[in-house]
């Protein structure tokens, strides 16, 4: 992708990407995941981590996976949506920020919000709670399939976040989805320009096909 096109794609909002996913009949909008701290924009390939309840026979840890996360990647942590113990805290936020990690999305709880804010680290989660996950959960798998609620995430999928929430684009469909989102943005901008120039919004929407933008082929 040329640099100018890449810059345009990175400027897309989650709403624009979600609309493109709808038009292509793809899932990806992660219900209940919200911005918690730090930068309000993230976009990068998923590095996935799945946690499970602690094993009494062979207890594991909450993990040192951060050492393996490449710069620019977005850490996606699946703790089954548990709100009662955290799986991401201040040490991880500060280390990740220093190493250029693109951000973190947690299906479950995070903590140490002030530290993530101070580091400017993009942190999204379905909950925040101060109680540790140590001796409550353990890492089961790294870079395998995980879930953000009803959204399946595979390693390398494109994860995007902003003030509206988080969307996930399958790695094999990224170019198609982003191209559709940019096309829809251009159509909606023409509608807005016409309306601001005095054209009735109803007419501007009709003229540029607003009500069909989510339909296949449009």
N, C-alpha and C. Protein backbone atom coordinates (compact mmCIF):
# COMPACT_ATOMS: atom_id res chain seq x y z
N UNK A 1 0.85 -1.19 0.00
CA UNK A 1 0.00 0.00 0.00
C UNK A 1 0.89 1.24 0.00
N UNK A 2 0.69 2.19 -0.96
CA UNK A 2 1.49 3.42 -0.97
C UNK A 2 1.35 4.17 0.34
N UNK A 3 2.38 5.00 0.65
CA UNK A 3 2.38 5.71 1.93
C UNK A 3 1.14 6.57 2.11
N UNK A 4 0.71 7.25 1.04
CA UNK A 4 -0.46 8.12 1.16
C UNK A 4 -1.72 7.31 1.46
N UNK A 5 -1.83 6.15 0.81
CA UNK A 5 -2.99 5.28 1.07
C UNK A 5 -2.93 4.72 2.48
N UNK A 6 -1.74 4.37 2.93
CA UNK A 6 -1.59 3.85 4.28
C UNK A 6 -1.97 4.91 5.31
N UNK A 7 -1.56 6.16 5.07
CA UNK A 7 -1.92 7.24 5.98
C UNK A 7 -3.43 7.43 6.02
N UNK A 8 -4.07 7.35 4.86
CA UNK A 8 -5.53 7.50 4.81
C UNK A 8 -6.20 6.36 5.57
N UNK A 9 -5.71 5.15 5.39
CA UNK A 9 -6.29 4.00 6.09
C UNK A 9 -6.14 4.16 7.59
N UNK A 10 -4.99 4.64 8.04
CA UNK A 10 -4.76 4.80 9.47
C UNK A 10 -5.62 5.91 10.07
N UNK A 11 -6.12 6.79 9.24
CA UNK A 11 -6.99 7.86 9.75
C UNK A 11 -8.44 7.41 9.87
N UNK A 12 -8.77 6.22 9.39
CA UNK A 12 -10.15 5.74 9.47
C UNK A 12 -10.60 5.57 10.92
N UNK A 13 -11.86 5.82 11.15
CA UNK A 13 -12.43 5.62 12.48
C UNK A 13 -12.98 4.20 12.61
N UNK A 14 -13.22 3.77 13.85
CA UNK A 14 -13.83 2.45 14.02
C UNK A 14 -15.23 2.41 13.44
N UNK A 15 -15.93 3.54 13.46
CA UNK A 15 -17.28 3.58 12.88
C UNK A 15 -17.21 3.33 11.38
N UNK A 16 -16.24 3.96 10.71
CA UNK A 16 -16.10 3.76 9.27
C UNK A 16 -15.72 2.32 8.95
N UNK A 17 -14.83 1.75 9.74
CA UNK A 17 -14.43 0.37 9.50
C UNK A 17 -15.57 -0.59 9.81
N UNK A 18 -16.32 -0.31 10.88
CA UNK A 18 -17.48 -1.14 11.22
C UNK A 18 -18.50 -1.13 10.09
N UNK A 19 -18.75 0.04 9.50
CA UNK A 19 -19.69 0.12 8.38
C UNK A 19 -19.20 -0.72 7.19
N UNK A 20 -17.89 -0.68 6.95
CA UNK A 20 -17.33 -1.48 5.85
C UNK A 20 -17.48 -2.97 6.14
N UNK A 21 -17.24 -3.37 7.38
CA UNK A 21 -17.45 -4.77 7.75
C UNK A 21 -18.90 -5.18 7.53
N UNK A 22 -19.84 -4.31 7.91
CA UNK A 22 -21.26 -4.60 7.68
C UNK A 22 -21.55 -4.79 6.20
N UNK A 23 -21.01 -3.88 5.38
CA UNK A 23 -21.27 -3.94 3.95
C UNK A 23 -20.75 -5.23 3.33
N UNK A 24 -19.66 -5.75 3.89
CA UNK A 24 -19.06 -6.98 3.38
C UNK A 24 -19.54 -8.21 4.14
N UNK A 25 -20.52 -8.02 5.02
CA UNK A 25 -21.13 -9.09 5.80
C UNK A 25 -20.10 -9.83 6.66
N UNK A 26 -19.23 -9.04 7.29
CA UNK A 26 -18.21 -9.60 8.17
C UNK A 26 -18.47 -9.15 9.60
N UNK A 27 -18.22 -10.00 10.59
CA UNK A 27 -18.28 -9.57 11.99
C UNK A 27 -17.03 -8.78 12.33
N UNK A 28 -16.97 -8.24 13.54
CA UNK A 28 -15.73 -7.57 13.94
C UNK A 28 -15.88 -6.47 14.95
N UNK A 29 -17.09 -6.00 15.21
CA UNK A 29 -17.30 -4.92 16.17
C UNK A 29 -17.44 -5.52 17.56
N UNK A 30 -16.47 -5.21 18.43
CA UNK A 30 -16.35 -5.86 19.74
C UNK A 30 -17.21 -5.15 20.78
N UNK A 31 -18.37 -5.72 21.08
CA UNK A 31 -19.31 -5.12 22.01
C UNK A 31 -18.73 -5.08 23.42
N UNK A 32 -18.84 -3.93 24.08
CA UNK A 32 -18.47 -3.80 25.47
C UNK A 32 -17.02 -3.46 25.74
N UNK A 33 -16.19 -3.39 24.70
CA UNK A 33 -14.80 -2.99 24.88
C UNK A 33 -14.71 -1.47 24.75
N UNK A 34 -14.12 -0.82 25.75
CA UNK A 34 -14.08 0.65 25.75
C UNK A 34 -12.66 1.15 26.01
N UNK A 35 -12.42 2.39 25.61
CA UNK A 35 -11.15 3.02 25.91
C UNK A 35 -11.04 3.26 27.41
N UNK A 36 -9.90 2.92 27.98
CA UNK A 36 -9.69 3.06 29.41
C UNK A 36 -8.62 4.09 29.74
N UNK A 37 -7.52 4.10 28.99
CA UNK A 37 -6.40 4.98 29.34
C UNK A 37 -5.52 5.23 28.13
N UNK A 38 -4.71 6.29 28.25
CA UNK A 38 -3.68 6.57 27.26
C UNK A 38 -4.22 7.05 25.94
N UNK A 39 -3.44 6.81 24.89
CA UNK A 39 -3.83 7.26 23.54
C UNK A 39 -5.19 6.69 23.17
N UNK A 40 -5.98 7.51 22.48
CA UNK A 40 -7.34 7.10 22.10
C UNK A 40 -7.41 6.51 20.70
N UNK A 41 -6.28 6.18 20.13
CA UNK A 41 -6.25 5.61 18.79
C UNK A 41 -5.24 4.48 18.76
N UNK A 42 -5.64 3.33 18.24
CA UNK A 42 -4.69 2.25 18.02
C UNK A 42 -5.06 1.53 16.73
N UNK A 43 -4.04 1.02 16.07
CA UNK A 43 -4.24 0.22 14.86
C UNK A 43 -2.99 -0.62 14.66
N UNK A 44 -3.14 -1.93 14.63
CA UNK A 44 -1.99 -2.79 14.42
C UNK A 44 -2.40 -4.25 14.41
N UNK A 45 -1.46 -5.13 14.03
CA UNK A 45 -1.75 -6.56 13.98
C UNK A 45 -1.86 -7.15 15.38
N UNK A 46 -2.74 -8.11 15.54
CA UNK A 46 -3.00 -8.71 16.85
C UNK A 46 -1.89 -9.66 17.27
N UNK A 47 -1.49 -9.52 18.53
CA UNK A 47 -0.67 -10.50 19.24
C UNK A 47 -1.58 -11.03 20.34
N UNK A 48 -1.95 -12.30 20.28
CA UNK A 48 -3.04 -12.79 21.11
C UNK A 48 -2.55 -13.60 22.32
N UNK A 49 -3.28 -13.44 23.43
CA UNK A 49 -2.99 -14.15 24.67
C UNK A 49 -4.31 -14.63 25.26
N UNK A 50 -4.37 -15.92 25.63
CA UNK A 50 -5.59 -16.46 26.25
C UNK A 50 -5.29 -16.95 27.65
N UNK A 51 -6.11 -16.53 28.60
CA UNK A 51 -5.96 -16.96 29.99
C UNK A 51 -7.13 -17.82 30.40
N UNK A 52 -6.88 -18.68 31.40
CA UNK A 52 -7.91 -19.57 31.95
C UNK A 52 -7.78 -19.57 33.46
N UNK A 53 -8.78 -20.09 34.18
CA UNK A 53 -8.66 -20.19 35.64
C UNK A 53 -7.43 -21.00 36.04
N UNK A 54 -6.85 -20.63 37.16
CA UNK A 54 -5.63 -21.28 37.64
C UNK A 54 -5.83 -22.78 37.83
N UNK A 55 -4.83 -23.53 37.44
CA UNK A 55 -4.85 -24.97 37.67
C UNK A 55 -4.26 -25.27 39.04
N UNK A 56 -5.00 -25.99 39.86
CA UNK A 56 -4.49 -26.34 41.19
C UNK A 56 -3.41 -27.41 41.10
N UNK A 57 -3.44 -28.23 40.06
CA UNK A 57 -2.45 -29.29 39.90
C UNK A 57 -1.15 -28.79 39.27
N UNK A 58 -1.27 -27.87 38.32
CA UNK A 58 -0.09 -27.35 37.62
C UNK A 58 -0.27 -25.84 37.42
N UNK A 59 -0.18 -25.08 38.52
CA UNK A 59 -0.43 -23.64 38.41
C UNK A 59 0.59 -22.95 37.51
N UNK A 60 0.06 -22.06 36.67
CA UNK A 60 0.91 -21.26 35.80
C UNK A 60 0.96 -19.83 36.28
N UNK A 61 1.33 -18.92 35.40
CA UNK A 61 1.45 -17.51 35.76
C UNK A 61 0.62 -16.66 34.80
N UNK A 62 0.50 -15.37 35.14
CA UNK A 62 -0.18 -14.45 34.24
C UNK A 62 0.71 -14.07 33.07
N UNK A 63 1.98 -14.52 33.08
CA UNK A 63 2.78 -14.49 31.87
C UNK A 63 3.76 -13.36 31.73
N UNK A 64 4.85 -13.66 31.01
CA UNK A 64 5.85 -12.66 30.63
C UNK A 64 5.87 -12.50 29.12
N UNK A 65 4.72 -12.64 28.51
CA UNK A 65 4.61 -12.62 27.05
C UNK A 65 5.03 -11.30 26.44
N UNK A 66 5.06 -10.22 27.24
CA UNK A 66 5.38 -8.90 26.69
C UNK A 66 6.75 -8.90 26.03
N UNK A 67 7.66 -9.77 26.47
CA UNK A 67 9.00 -9.85 25.89
C UNK A 67 8.96 -10.29 24.43
N UNK A 68 7.86 -10.92 24.01
CA UNK A 68 7.77 -11.47 22.66
C UNK A 68 6.91 -10.63 21.72
N UNK A 69 6.36 -9.53 22.21
CA UNK A 69 5.46 -8.72 21.39
C UNK A 69 6.29 -7.76 20.52
N UNK A 70 6.14 -7.81 19.20
CA UNK A 70 6.91 -6.91 18.34
C UNK A 70 6.37 -5.48 18.38
N UNK A 71 7.23 -4.50 18.12
CA UNK A 71 6.76 -3.11 18.07
C UNK A 71 5.61 -2.96 17.07
N UNK A 72 4.63 -2.14 17.45
CA UNK A 72 3.50 -1.88 16.56
C UNK A 72 2.36 -2.85 16.70
N UNK A 73 2.61 -4.02 17.29
CA UNK A 73 1.52 -5.00 17.46
C UNK A 73 0.58 -4.55 18.57
N UNK A 74 -0.66 -5.03 18.49
CA UNK A 74 -1.67 -4.76 19.52
C UNK A 74 -1.90 -6.06 20.30
N UNK A 75 -1.66 -5.99 21.61
CA UNK A 75 -1.85 -7.17 22.46
C UNK A 75 -3.35 -7.35 22.72
N UNK A 76 -3.87 -8.51 22.38
CA UNK A 76 -5.27 -8.84 22.63
C UNK A 76 -5.31 -9.93 23.68
N UNK A 77 -5.81 -9.60 24.87
CA UNK A 77 -5.82 -10.52 26.01
C UNK A 77 -7.24 -10.99 26.27
N UNK A 78 -7.45 -12.28 26.18
CA UNK A 78 -8.77 -12.89 26.39
C UNK A 78 -8.79 -13.56 27.76
N UNK A 79 -9.48 -12.93 28.72
CA UNK A 79 -9.69 -13.55 30.02
C UNK A 79 -11.16 -13.91 30.22
N UNK A 80 -11.81 -14.21 29.10
CA UNK A 80 -13.20 -14.65 29.16
C UNK A 80 -14.17 -13.59 29.65
N UNK A 81 -13.74 -12.33 29.61
CA UNK A 81 -14.61 -11.24 30.06
C UNK A 81 -14.70 -11.10 31.57
N UNK A 82 -13.87 -11.83 32.33
CA UNK A 82 -13.96 -11.79 33.80
C UNK A 82 -13.71 -10.38 34.33
N UNK A 83 -14.63 -9.85 35.13
CA UNK A 83 -14.44 -8.51 35.69
C UNK A 83 -13.81 -8.52 37.08
N UNK A 84 -13.56 -9.72 37.64
CA UNK A 84 -13.21 -9.81 39.06
C UNK A 84 -11.71 -9.90 39.34
N UNK A 85 -10.87 -9.96 38.30
CA UNK A 85 -9.42 -9.95 38.51
C UNK A 85 -8.74 -9.42 37.27
N UNK A 86 -7.67 -8.68 37.49
CA UNK A 86 -7.01 -8.00 36.38
C UNK A 86 -5.97 -8.89 35.72
N UNK A 87 -5.75 -8.68 34.44
CA UNK A 87 -4.71 -9.41 33.70
C UNK A 87 -3.78 -8.45 32.96
N UNK A 88 -3.91 -7.16 33.25
CA UNK A 88 -3.01 -6.16 32.65
C UNK A 88 -2.89 -5.00 33.64
N UNK A 89 -1.64 -4.64 33.98
CA UNK A 89 -1.43 -3.58 34.96
C UNK A 89 -0.31 -2.64 34.58
N UNK A 90 0.14 -1.87 35.56
CA UNK A 90 1.06 -0.77 35.31
C UNK A 90 2.41 -1.17 34.77
N UNK A 91 3.00 -2.25 35.27
CA UNK A 91 4.30 -2.68 34.75
C UNK A 91 4.20 -3.01 33.27
N UNK A 92 3.18 -3.77 32.92
CA UNK A 92 3.01 -4.12 31.51
C UNK A 92 2.80 -2.88 30.65
N UNK A 93 1.99 -1.93 31.11
CA UNK A 93 1.75 -0.72 30.32
C UNK A 93 3.03 0.06 30.10
N UNK A 94 3.83 0.20 31.15
CA UNK A 94 5.05 0.99 31.02
C UNK A 94 6.09 0.29 30.15
N UNK A 95 6.25 -1.01 30.31
CA UNK A 95 7.20 -1.74 29.48
C UNK A 95 6.75 -1.73 28.02
N UNK A 96 5.46 -1.96 27.79
CA UNK A 96 4.93 -1.98 26.42
C UNK A 96 5.11 -0.62 25.76
N UNK A 97 4.84 0.44 26.49
CA UNK A 97 5.00 1.79 25.93
C UNK A 97 6.46 2.03 25.55
N UNK A 98 7.38 1.65 26.42
CA UNK A 98 8.81 1.86 26.14
C UNK A 98 9.26 1.08 24.91
N UNK A 99 8.67 -0.07 24.68
CA UNK A 99 9.10 -0.93 23.57
C UNK A 99 8.33 -0.69 22.28
N UNK A 100 7.43 0.30 22.27
CA UNK A 100 6.73 0.65 21.04
C UNK A 100 5.60 -0.26 20.66
N UNK A 101 5.05 -0.99 21.64
CA UNK A 101 3.86 -1.82 21.37
C UNK A 101 2.69 -0.90 21.04
N UNK A 102 1.83 -1.34 20.12
CA UNK A 102 0.79 -0.47 19.61
C UNK A 102 -0.38 -0.22 20.52
N UNK A 103 -0.54 -1.03 21.57
CA UNK A 103 -1.66 -0.87 22.49
C UNK A 103 -2.12 -2.23 22.98
N UNK A 104 -3.10 -2.22 23.87
CA UNK A 104 -3.62 -3.46 24.44
C UNK A 104 -5.14 -3.41 24.50
N UNK A 105 -5.77 -4.54 24.18
CA UNK A 105 -7.22 -4.71 24.29
C UNK A 105 -7.46 -5.93 25.17
N UNK A 106 -8.22 -5.76 26.25
CA UNK A 106 -8.46 -6.84 27.20
C UNK A 106 -9.95 -7.18 27.24
N UNK A 107 -10.26 -8.45 27.00
CA UNK A 107 -11.61 -8.94 27.25
C UNK A 107 -11.61 -9.44 28.69
N UNK A 108 -11.87 -8.51 29.60
CA UNK A 108 -11.73 -8.72 31.01
C UNK A 108 -11.28 -7.42 31.66
N UNK A 109 -10.61 -7.53 32.80
CA UNK A 109 -10.27 -6.34 33.58
C UNK A 109 -8.80 -5.97 33.48
N UNK A 110 -8.55 -4.66 33.53
CA UNK A 110 -7.21 -4.11 33.64
C UNK A 110 -7.17 -3.23 34.89
N UNK A 111 -5.96 -2.77 35.26
CA UNK A 111 -5.84 -1.87 36.40
C UNK A 111 -4.67 -0.91 36.19
N UNK A 112 -4.37 -0.12 37.23
CA UNK A 112 -3.28 0.87 37.17
C UNK A 112 -3.49 1.83 36.00
N UNK A 113 -4.70 2.37 35.93
CA UNK A 113 -5.08 3.25 34.84
C UNK A 113 -4.18 4.48 34.78
N UNK A 114 -3.85 5.04 35.93
CA UNK A 114 -3.03 6.25 35.97
C UNK A 114 -1.66 6.01 35.34
N UNK A 115 -1.11 4.82 35.54
CA UNK A 115 0.20 4.52 34.97
C UNK A 115 0.14 4.42 33.45
N UNK A 116 -0.91 3.82 32.94
CA UNK A 116 -1.07 3.75 31.49
C UNK A 116 -1.27 5.15 30.92
N UNK A 117 -2.05 5.97 31.61
CA UNK A 117 -2.23 7.36 31.17
C UNK A 117 -0.91 8.11 31.15
N UNK A 118 -0.13 7.97 32.21
CA UNK A 118 1.14 8.69 32.31
C UNK A 118 2.10 8.26 31.19
N UNK A 119 2.02 6.98 30.80
CA UNK A 119 2.88 6.47 29.73
C UNK A 119 2.32 6.78 28.34
N UNK A 120 1.09 7.30 28.28
CA UNK A 120 0.45 7.55 26.99
C UNK A 120 0.14 6.27 26.24
N UNK A 121 -0.06 5.19 26.99
CA UNK A 121 -0.23 3.87 26.37
C UNK A 121 -1.70 3.57 26.12
N UNK A 122 -2.04 3.22 24.90
CA UNK A 122 -3.43 2.95 24.51
C UNK A 122 -3.92 1.66 25.16
N UNK A 123 -4.90 1.79 26.05
CA UNK A 123 -5.42 0.64 26.79
C UNK A 123 -6.93 0.61 26.69
N UNK A 124 -7.45 -0.52 26.22
CA UNK A 124 -8.88 -0.76 26.09
C UNK A 124 -9.23 -2.02 26.86
N UNK A 125 -10.42 -2.08 27.42
CA UNK A 125 -10.83 -3.26 28.19
C UNK A 125 -12.34 -3.27 28.34
N UNK A 126 -12.86 -4.41 28.79
CA UNK A 126 -14.29 -4.48 29.08
C UNK A 126 -14.58 -4.16 30.54
N UNK A 127 -13.51 -4.03 31.37
CA UNK A 127 -13.70 -3.68 32.77
C UNK A 127 -12.38 -3.17 33.34
N UNK A 128 -12.46 -2.51 34.47
CA UNK A 128 -11.27 -2.17 35.25
C UNK A 128 -11.55 -2.54 36.70
N UNK A 129 -10.55 -3.14 37.34
CA UNK A 129 -10.71 -3.62 38.71
C UNK A 129 -9.32 -3.82 39.28
N UNK A 130 -9.16 -3.53 40.57
CA UNK A 130 -7.81 -3.51 41.14
C UNK A 130 -7.28 -4.87 41.57
N UNK A 131 -8.11 -5.88 41.72
CA UNK A 131 -7.66 -7.15 42.29
C UNK A 131 -6.81 -7.94 41.30
N UNK A 132 -5.68 -8.46 41.79
CA UNK A 132 -4.73 -9.14 40.93
C UNK A 132 -5.28 -10.44 40.35
N UNK A 133 -4.76 -10.79 39.17
CA UNK A 133 -5.08 -12.08 38.57
C UNK A 133 -4.13 -13.18 38.99
N UNK A 134 -3.02 -12.80 39.68
CA UNK A 134 -2.06 -13.81 40.12
C UNK A 134 -2.74 -14.84 41.04
N UNK A 135 -2.48 -16.09 40.76
CA UNK A 135 -3.07 -17.23 41.49
C UNK A 135 -4.59 -17.33 41.30
N UNK A 136 -5.11 -16.60 40.34
CA UNK A 136 -6.52 -16.74 39.97
C UNK A 136 -6.66 -17.22 38.52
N UNK A 137 -5.79 -16.72 37.66
CA UNK A 137 -5.80 -17.13 36.25
C UNK A 137 -4.36 -17.40 35.82
N UNK A 138 -4.23 -18.05 34.67
CA UNK A 138 -2.90 -18.32 34.13
C UNK A 138 -2.97 -18.31 32.61
N UNK A 139 -1.83 -18.03 31.98
CA UNK A 139 -1.76 -18.04 30.53
C UNK A 139 -1.90 -19.47 30.03
N UNK A 140 -2.84 -19.66 29.12
CA UNK A 140 -3.07 -20.97 28.51
C UNK A 140 -2.42 -21.08 27.14
N UNK A 141 -2.45 -19.97 26.38
CA UNK A 141 -1.90 -20.01 25.02
C UNK A 141 -1.54 -18.60 24.57
N UNK A 142 -0.51 -18.53 23.74
CA UNK A 142 -0.07 -17.27 23.14
C UNK A 142 -0.06 -17.45 21.63
N UNK A 143 -0.57 -16.43 20.93
CA UNK A 143 -0.66 -16.43 19.48
C UNK A 143 -1.46 -17.61 18.94
N UNK A 144 -2.61 -17.80 19.57
CA UNK A 144 -3.63 -18.70 19.06
C UNK A 144 -4.93 -17.93 18.96
N UNK A 145 -6.03 -18.58 18.58
CA UNK A 145 -7.32 -17.89 18.48
C UNK A 145 -7.81 -17.46 19.86
N UNK A 146 -8.37 -16.25 19.93
CA UNK A 146 -8.97 -15.72 21.16
C UNK A 146 -10.28 -15.04 20.79
N UNK A 147 -10.98 -14.56 21.83
CA UNK A 147 -12.25 -13.88 21.60
C UNK A 147 -12.28 -12.55 22.33
N UNK A 148 -12.91 -11.58 21.71
CA UNK A 148 -13.32 -10.34 22.36
C UNK A 148 -14.85 -10.40 22.37
N UNK A 149 -15.41 -11.05 23.38
CA UNK A 149 -16.84 -11.31 23.37
C UNK A 149 -17.18 -12.26 22.23
N UNK A 150 -18.06 -11.82 21.32
CA UNK A 150 -18.45 -12.69 20.21
C UNK A 150 -17.61 -12.46 18.96
N UNK A 151 -16.50 -11.72 19.10
CA UNK A 151 -15.61 -11.47 17.97
C UNK A 151 -14.38 -12.36 18.10
N UNK A 152 -14.17 -13.22 17.14
CA UNK A 152 -12.99 -14.08 17.11
C UNK A 152 -11.80 -13.28 16.59
N UNK A 153 -10.65 -13.45 17.24
CA UNK A 153 -9.43 -12.74 16.83
C UNK A 153 -8.33 -13.76 16.62
N UNK A 154 -7.69 -13.68 15.46
CA UNK A 154 -6.55 -14.54 15.15
C UNK A 154 -5.28 -13.68 15.14
N UNK A 155 -4.13 -14.30 15.43
CA UNK A 155 -2.87 -13.55 15.34
C UNK A 155 -2.73 -12.91 13.96
N UNK A 156 -2.37 -11.63 13.94
CA UNK A 156 -2.19 -10.93 12.67
C UNK A 156 -3.42 -10.20 12.18
N UNK A 157 -4.60 -10.49 12.74
CA UNK A 157 -5.78 -9.69 12.37
C UNK A 157 -5.53 -8.23 12.72
N UNK A 158 -6.16 -7.33 11.98
CA UNK A 158 -5.99 -5.91 12.23
C UNK A 158 -6.94 -5.46 13.33
N UNK A 159 -6.37 -4.90 14.40
CA UNK A 159 -7.16 -4.42 15.53
C UNK A 159 -7.13 -2.90 15.53
N UNK A 160 -8.31 -2.28 15.58
CA UNK A 160 -8.41 -0.83 15.51
C UNK A 160 -9.25 -0.34 16.69
N UNK A 161 -8.81 0.74 17.32
CA UNK A 161 -9.55 1.29 18.44
C UNK A 161 -9.55 2.80 18.42
N UNK A 162 -10.64 3.39 18.91
CA UNK A 162 -10.71 4.83 19.12
C UNK A 162 -11.76 5.08 20.21
N UNK A 163 -12.24 6.30 20.33
CA UNK A 163 -13.16 6.64 21.40
C UNK A 163 -14.48 5.88 21.32
N UNK A 164 -14.82 5.32 20.16
CA UNK A 164 -16.06 4.57 20.01
C UNK A 164 -15.92 3.10 20.37
N UNK A 165 -14.70 2.59 20.50
CA UNK A 165 -14.52 1.19 20.83
C UNK A 165 -13.49 0.52 19.95
N UNK A 166 -13.68 -0.78 19.72
CA UNK A 166 -12.68 -1.60 19.01
C UNK A 166 -13.36 -2.42 17.93
N UNK A 167 -12.71 -2.50 16.77
CA UNK A 167 -13.12 -3.39 15.70
C UNK A 167 -11.93 -4.24 15.28
N UNK A 168 -12.23 -5.42 14.75
CA UNK A 168 -11.20 -6.36 14.31
C UNK A 168 -11.48 -6.75 12.87
N UNK A 169 -10.45 -6.68 12.03
CA UNK A 169 -10.57 -7.02 10.62
C UNK A 169 -9.75 -8.27 10.35
N UNK A 170 -10.34 -9.32 9.77
CA UNK A 170 -9.56 -10.51 9.45
C UNK A 170 -8.36 -10.17 8.57
N UNK A 171 -7.22 -10.78 8.87
CA UNK A 171 -5.99 -10.44 8.14
C UNK A 171 -6.15 -10.61 6.64
N UNK A 172 -6.92 -11.62 6.23
CA UNK A 172 -7.07 -11.91 4.80
C UNK A 172 -7.98 -10.92 4.08
N UNK A 173 -8.68 -10.05 4.84
CA UNK A 173 -9.64 -9.13 4.22
C UNK A 173 -9.30 -7.66 4.48
N UNK A 174 -8.12 -7.39 5.03
CA UNK A 174 -7.78 -6.02 5.45
C UNK A 174 -7.85 -5.04 4.28
N UNK A 175 -7.20 -5.36 3.19
CA UNK A 175 -7.16 -4.43 2.06
C UNK A 175 -8.56 -4.13 1.55
N UNK A 176 -9.38 -5.15 1.42
CA UNK A 176 -10.75 -4.99 0.93
C UNK A 176 -11.58 -4.14 1.88
N UNK A 177 -11.48 -4.41 3.18
CA UNK A 177 -12.28 -3.67 4.16
C UNK A 177 -11.87 -2.20 4.22
N UNK A 178 -10.58 -1.95 4.25
CA UNK A 178 -10.13 -0.55 4.34
C UNK A 178 -10.47 0.21 3.07
N UNK A 179 -10.37 -0.44 1.91
CA UNK A 179 -10.75 0.22 0.66
C UNK A 179 -12.23 0.58 0.67
N UNK A 180 -13.08 -0.35 1.16
CA UNK A 180 -14.51 -0.06 1.26
C UNK A 180 -14.77 1.09 2.22
N UNK A 181 -14.07 1.11 3.35
CA UNK A 181 -14.26 2.18 4.32
C UNK A 181 -13.87 3.53 3.74
N UNK A 182 -12.78 3.58 2.99
CA UNK A 182 -12.36 4.85 2.37
C UNK A 182 -13.35 5.29 1.31
N UNK A 183 -13.91 4.34 0.55
CA UNK A 183 -14.91 4.68 -0.45
C UNK A 183 -16.16 5.26 0.20
N UNK A 184 -16.61 4.62 1.28
CA UNK A 184 -17.79 5.11 1.98
C UNK A 184 -17.53 6.49 2.59
N UNK A 185 -16.34 6.69 3.14
CA UNK A 185 -16.00 8.00 3.70
C UNK A 185 -16.14 9.08 2.63
N UNK A 186 -15.66 8.81 1.42
CA UNK A 186 -15.73 9.80 0.34
C UNK A 186 -17.19 10.11 0.00
N UNK A 187 -18.05 9.09 -0.05
CA UNK A 187 -19.46 9.31 -0.34
C UNK A 187 -20.12 10.13 0.77
N UNK A 188 -19.82 9.80 2.01
CA UNK A 188 -20.43 10.53 3.13
C UNK A 188 -19.93 11.98 3.19
N UNK A 189 -18.69 12.19 2.80
CA UNK A 189 -18.18 13.57 2.78
C UNK A 189 -18.91 14.40 1.73
N UNK A 190 -19.22 13.78 0.60
CA UNK A 190 -19.97 14.50 -0.44
C UNK A 190 -21.37 14.84 0.05
N UNK A 191 -21.98 13.92 0.80
CA UNK A 191 -23.29 14.21 1.38
C UNK A 191 -23.21 15.39 2.33
N UNK A 192 -22.21 15.36 3.21
CA UNK A 192 -22.05 16.43 4.19
C UNK A 192 -21.78 17.76 3.50
N UNK A 193 -20.89 17.77 2.51
CA UNK A 193 -20.57 19.01 1.80
C UNK A 193 -21.83 19.60 1.16
N UNK A 194 -22.63 18.73 0.53
CA UNK A 194 -23.85 19.21 -0.12
C UNK A 194 -24.82 19.79 0.90
N UNK A 195 -24.98 19.10 2.03
CA UNK A 195 -25.91 19.57 3.06
C UNK A 195 -25.44 20.89 3.66
N UNK A 196 -24.15 21.03 3.88
CA UNK A 196 -23.63 22.29 4.43
C UNK A 196 -23.72 23.44 3.42
N UNK A 197 -23.80 23.09 2.12
CA UNK A 197 -23.99 24.10 1.09
C UNK A 197 -25.45 24.46 0.88
N UNK A 198 -26.35 23.84 1.66
CA UNK A 198 -27.75 24.21 1.61
C UNK A 198 -28.68 23.20 0.98
N UNK A 199 -28.14 22.11 0.44
CA UNK A 199 -29.01 21.07 -0.11
C UNK A 199 -29.72 20.36 1.05
N UNK A 200 -31.02 20.15 0.98
CA UNK A 200 -31.70 19.41 2.05
C UNK A 200 -31.02 18.06 2.27
N UNK A 201 -30.83 17.71 3.54
CA UNK A 201 -30.13 16.47 3.84
C UNK A 201 -30.80 15.27 3.20
N UNK A 202 -32.12 15.27 3.16
CA UNK A 202 -32.85 14.18 2.54
C UNK A 202 -32.43 14.01 1.08
N UNK A 203 -32.33 15.14 0.38
CA UNK A 203 -31.96 15.11 -1.03
C UNK A 203 -30.50 14.70 -1.21
N UNK A 204 -29.61 15.22 -0.36
CA UNK A 204 -28.20 14.86 -0.46
C UNK A 204 -28.00 13.38 -0.23
N UNK A 205 -28.70 12.84 0.75
CA UNK A 205 -28.59 11.40 1.01
C UNK A 205 -29.12 10.59 -0.16
N UNK A 206 -30.24 11.01 -0.74
CA UNK A 206 -30.79 10.30 -1.88
C UNK A 206 -29.82 10.35 -3.06
N UNK A 207 -29.27 11.53 -3.31
CA UNK A 207 -28.40 11.74 -4.47
C UNK A 207 -27.16 10.85 -4.41
N UNK A 208 -26.61 10.69 -3.23
CA UNK A 208 -25.35 9.94 -3.10
C UNK A 208 -25.54 8.54 -2.50
N UNK A 209 -26.78 8.10 -2.43
CA UNK A 209 -27.05 6.72 -2.06
C UNK A 209 -26.72 6.36 -0.62
N UNK A 210 -26.98 7.28 0.31
CA UNK A 210 -26.62 7.04 1.71
C UNK A 210 -27.25 5.78 2.27
N UNK A 211 -28.51 5.53 1.96
CA UNK A 211 -29.24 4.43 2.59
C UNK A 211 -28.90 3.07 2.00
N UNK A 212 -28.05 3.04 0.99
CA UNK A 212 -27.63 1.75 0.42
C UNK A 212 -26.15 1.47 0.64
N UNK A 213 -25.46 2.33 1.38
CA UNK A 213 -24.02 2.19 1.52
C UNK A 213 -23.61 0.89 2.20
N UNK A 214 -24.49 0.33 3.05
CA UNK A 214 -24.14 -0.90 3.76
C UNK A 214 -24.52 -2.15 2.98
N UNK A 215 -25.07 -1.97 1.79
CA UNK A 215 -25.51 -3.13 1.01
C UNK A 215 -24.39 -3.61 0.09
N UNK A 216 -24.29 -4.92 -0.12
CA UNK A 216 -23.25 -5.45 -1.01
C UNK A 216 -23.31 -4.80 -2.39
N UNK A 217 -22.13 -4.49 -2.92
CA UNK A 217 -22.07 -3.88 -4.25
C UNK A 217 -22.16 -2.38 -4.26
N UNK A 218 -22.35 -1.78 -3.07
CA UNK A 218 -22.44 -0.32 -3.02
C UNK A 218 -21.24 0.25 -2.27
